[in-house]
């Protein structure tokens, strides 16, 4: 299930990151790695603000759909 299906306030665990190598590398550099916890701070029309470790990161729907929980 993509992370865009999670509701604001949910804490989820990343199970898989899809996409080409460049996309997966970019998400890894932002702190999104498999088996890490991520908190959904807010969700507006599929665009998300996520808390990863000590940072808040905004992702558009296309990029967020690459993160499976």
N, C-alpha and C. Protein backbone atom coordinates (compact mmCIF):
# COMPACT_ATOMS: atom_id res chain seq x y z
N UNK A 1 0.85 -1.17 0.00
CA UNK A 1 0.00 0.00 0.00
C UNK A 1 0.91 1.24 0.00
N UNK A 2 0.66 2.21 -0.87
CA UNK A 2 1.49 3.42 -0.88
C UNK A 2 1.23 4.29 0.35
N UNK A 3 2.22 5.06 0.72
CA UNK A 3 2.11 5.90 1.92
C UNK A 3 1.02 6.97 1.76
N UNK A 4 0.61 7.26 0.53
CA UNK A 4 -0.45 8.25 0.32
C UNK A 4 -1.79 7.76 0.89
N UNK A 5 -1.91 6.47 1.18
CA UNK A 5 -3.14 5.93 1.76
C UNK A 5 -3.20 6.12 3.27
N UNK A 6 -2.09 6.48 3.89
CA UNK A 6 -2.05 6.69 5.34
C UNK A 6 -2.70 8.04 5.68
N UNK A 7 -3.24 8.12 6.87
CA UNK A 7 -3.89 9.34 7.34
C UNK A 7 -2.92 10.20 8.15
N UNK A 8 -3.23 11.47 8.27
CA UNK A 8 -2.42 12.38 9.08
C UNK A 8 -2.39 11.85 10.52
N UNK A 9 -1.22 11.84 11.11
CA UNK A 9 -1.04 11.35 12.46
C UNK A 9 -0.58 9.91 12.54
N UNK A 10 -0.68 9.16 11.43
CA UNK A 10 -0.25 7.76 11.42
C UNK A 10 1.27 7.66 11.43
N UNK A 11 1.77 6.70 12.16
CA UNK A 11 3.18 6.35 12.10
C UNK A 11 3.26 4.99 11.41
N UNK A 12 4.03 4.94 10.33
CA UNK A 12 4.08 3.73 9.50
C UNK A 12 5.53 3.30 9.32
N UNK A 13 5.71 2.07 8.86
CA UNK A 13 7.04 1.53 8.59
C UNK A 13 7.16 1.31 7.09
N UNK A 14 8.25 1.80 6.52
CA UNK A 14 8.49 1.65 5.09
C UNK A 14 8.86 0.20 4.80
N UNK A 15 8.14 -0.43 3.88
CA UNK A 15 8.39 -1.82 3.51
C UNK A 15 9.16 -1.94 2.19
N UNK A 16 8.96 -0.99 1.27
CA UNK A 16 9.62 -1.06 -0.03
C UNK A 16 9.60 0.32 -0.67
N UNK A 17 10.63 0.61 -1.45
CA UNK A 17 10.68 1.85 -2.23
C UNK A 17 10.85 1.46 -3.69
N UNK A 18 9.92 1.90 -4.52
CA UNK A 18 9.93 1.54 -5.94
C UNK A 18 10.47 2.68 -6.78
N UNK A 19 10.62 2.43 -8.06
CA UNK A 19 11.11 3.45 -8.99
C UNK A 19 12.48 3.08 -9.53
N UNK A 20 12.99 3.95 -10.37
CA UNK A 20 14.32 3.69 -10.94
C UNK A 20 15.40 3.96 -9.89
N UNK A 21 16.63 3.63 -10.23
CA UNK A 21 17.74 3.77 -9.28
C UNK A 21 17.90 5.21 -8.80
N UNK A 22 17.74 6.17 -9.71
CA UNK A 22 17.91 7.58 -9.36
C UNK A 22 16.84 8.02 -8.35
N UNK A 23 15.61 7.59 -8.55
CA UNK A 23 14.52 7.94 -7.63
C UNK A 23 14.75 7.33 -6.25
N UNK A 24 15.12 6.05 -6.22
CA UNK A 24 15.37 5.39 -4.94
C UNK A 24 16.55 6.03 -4.21
N UNK A 25 17.58 6.41 -4.95
CA UNK A 25 18.73 7.07 -4.35
C UNK A 25 18.34 8.42 -3.76
N UNK A 26 17.53 9.17 -4.49
CA UNK A 26 17.09 10.49 -4.01
C UNK A 26 16.29 10.35 -2.71
N UNK A 27 15.37 9.40 -2.67
CA UNK A 27 14.58 9.19 -1.45
C UNK A 27 15.47 8.73 -0.30
N UNK A 28 16.46 7.89 -0.58
CA UNK A 28 17.39 7.45 0.46
C UNK A 28 18.18 8.63 1.03
N UNK A 29 18.58 9.55 0.15
CA UNK A 29 19.32 10.73 0.61
C UNK A 29 18.45 11.63 1.48
N UNK A 30 17.14 11.60 1.27
CA UNK A 30 16.22 12.37 2.10
C UNK A 30 15.94 11.68 3.44
N UNK A 31 16.35 10.41 3.56
CA UNK A 31 16.17 9.68 4.81
C UNK A 31 15.15 8.57 4.75
N UNK A 32 14.57 8.32 3.60
CA UNK A 32 13.58 7.26 3.47
C UNK A 32 14.28 5.94 3.15
N UNK A 33 14.35 5.06 4.14
CA UNK A 33 14.98 3.75 3.95
C UNK A 33 14.03 2.67 4.46
N UNK A 34 14.17 1.48 3.91
CA UNK A 34 13.32 0.35 4.27
C UNK A 34 13.47 0.03 5.75
N UNK A 35 12.37 -0.29 6.39
CA UNK A 35 12.25 -0.65 7.82
C UNK A 35 12.39 0.54 8.77
N UNK A 36 12.37 1.76 8.25
CA UNK A 36 12.36 2.95 9.10
C UNK A 36 10.93 3.41 9.36
N UNK A 37 10.72 4.03 10.52
CA UNK A 37 9.41 4.61 10.85
C UNK A 37 9.31 6.01 10.27
N UNK A 38 8.12 6.33 9.77
CA UNK A 38 7.83 7.65 9.22
C UNK A 38 6.48 8.08 9.76
N UNK A 39 6.36 9.31 10.17
CA UNK A 39 5.07 9.83 10.65
C UNK A 39 4.48 10.75 9.61
N UNK A 40 3.21 10.56 9.31
CA UNK A 40 2.50 11.42 8.37
C UNK A 40 2.01 12.63 9.16
N UNK A 41 2.58 13.81 8.88
CA UNK A 41 2.21 15.02 9.59
C UNK A 41 0.92 15.59 9.00
N UNK A 42 0.86 15.70 7.67
CA UNK A 42 -0.37 16.15 7.03
C UNK A 42 -0.45 15.60 5.62
N UNK A 43 -1.69 15.54 5.12
CA UNK A 43 -1.95 15.02 3.79
C UNK A 43 -3.00 15.90 3.13
N UNK A 44 -2.64 16.50 2.00
CA UNK A 44 -3.57 17.35 1.25
C UNK A 44 -3.56 16.88 -0.20
N UNK A 45 -4.65 16.27 -0.63
CA UNK A 45 -4.82 15.78 -2.00
C UNK A 45 -3.67 14.86 -2.42
N UNK A 46 -3.20 14.02 -1.50
CA UNK A 46 -2.13 13.07 -1.82
C UNK A 46 -0.73 13.62 -1.63
N UNK A 47 -0.59 14.93 -1.51
CA UNK A 47 0.71 15.52 -1.21
C UNK A 47 0.92 15.43 0.30
N UNK A 48 2.11 15.02 0.70
CA UNK A 48 2.34 14.71 2.11
C UNK A 48 3.45 15.55 2.72
N UNK A 49 3.31 15.79 4.01
CA UNK A 49 4.42 16.27 4.83
C UNK A 49 4.70 15.13 5.80
N UNK A 50 5.94 14.64 5.76
CA UNK A 50 6.33 13.47 6.53
C UNK A 50 7.44 13.81 7.50
N UNK A 51 7.39 13.23 8.69
CA UNK A 51 8.47 13.37 9.66
C UNK A 51 9.35 12.15 9.54
N UNK A 52 10.60 12.38 9.12
CA UNK A 52 11.58 11.31 8.97
C UNK A 52 12.73 11.65 9.91
N UNK A 53 12.94 10.78 10.88
CA UNK A 53 13.96 11.04 11.91
C UNK A 53 13.66 12.40 12.53
N UNK A 54 14.54 13.39 12.42
CA UNK A 54 14.30 14.70 13.04
C UNK A 54 13.93 15.76 12.02
N UNK A 55 13.53 15.36 10.82
CA UNK A 55 13.24 16.33 9.76
C UNK A 55 11.82 16.15 9.25
N UNK A 56 11.26 17.25 8.75
CA UNK A 56 9.97 17.20 8.07
C UNK A 56 10.23 17.43 6.59
N UNK A 57 9.67 16.56 5.77
CA UNK A 57 9.91 16.61 4.33
C UNK A 57 8.57 16.57 3.61
N UNK A 58 8.42 17.45 2.62
CA UNK A 58 7.21 17.49 1.80
C UNK A 58 7.46 16.70 0.52
N UNK A 59 6.51 15.83 0.17
CA UNK A 59 6.59 15.05 -1.06
C UNK A 59 5.30 15.21 -1.83
N UNK A 60 5.42 15.32 -3.15
CA UNK A 60 4.22 15.35 -3.97
C UNK A 60 3.68 13.93 -4.12
N UNK A 61 2.47 13.83 -4.64
CA UNK A 61 1.80 12.55 -4.75
C UNK A 61 2.61 11.53 -5.56
N UNK A 62 3.22 11.96 -6.66
CA UNK A 62 3.98 11.05 -7.52
C UNK A 62 5.13 10.41 -6.77
N UNK A 63 5.89 11.22 -6.05
CA UNK A 63 7.04 10.70 -5.30
C UNK A 63 6.57 9.87 -4.11
N UNK A 64 5.53 10.31 -3.43
CA UNK A 64 5.03 9.59 -2.26
C UNK A 64 4.49 8.21 -2.64
N UNK A 65 3.93 8.07 -3.83
CA UNK A 65 3.41 6.77 -4.27
C UNK A 65 4.52 5.74 -4.45
N UNK A 66 5.76 6.16 -4.51
CA UNK A 66 6.89 5.24 -4.65
C UNK A 66 7.25 4.57 -3.31
N UNK A 67 6.74 5.12 -2.21
CA UNK A 67 7.04 4.59 -0.88
C UNK A 67 5.89 3.68 -0.46
N UNK A 68 6.18 2.40 -0.27
CA UNK A 68 5.16 1.43 0.11
C UNK A 68 5.31 1.08 1.58
N UNK A 69 4.14 0.98 2.24
CA UNK A 69 4.13 0.69 3.68
C UNK A 69 3.44 -0.64 3.93
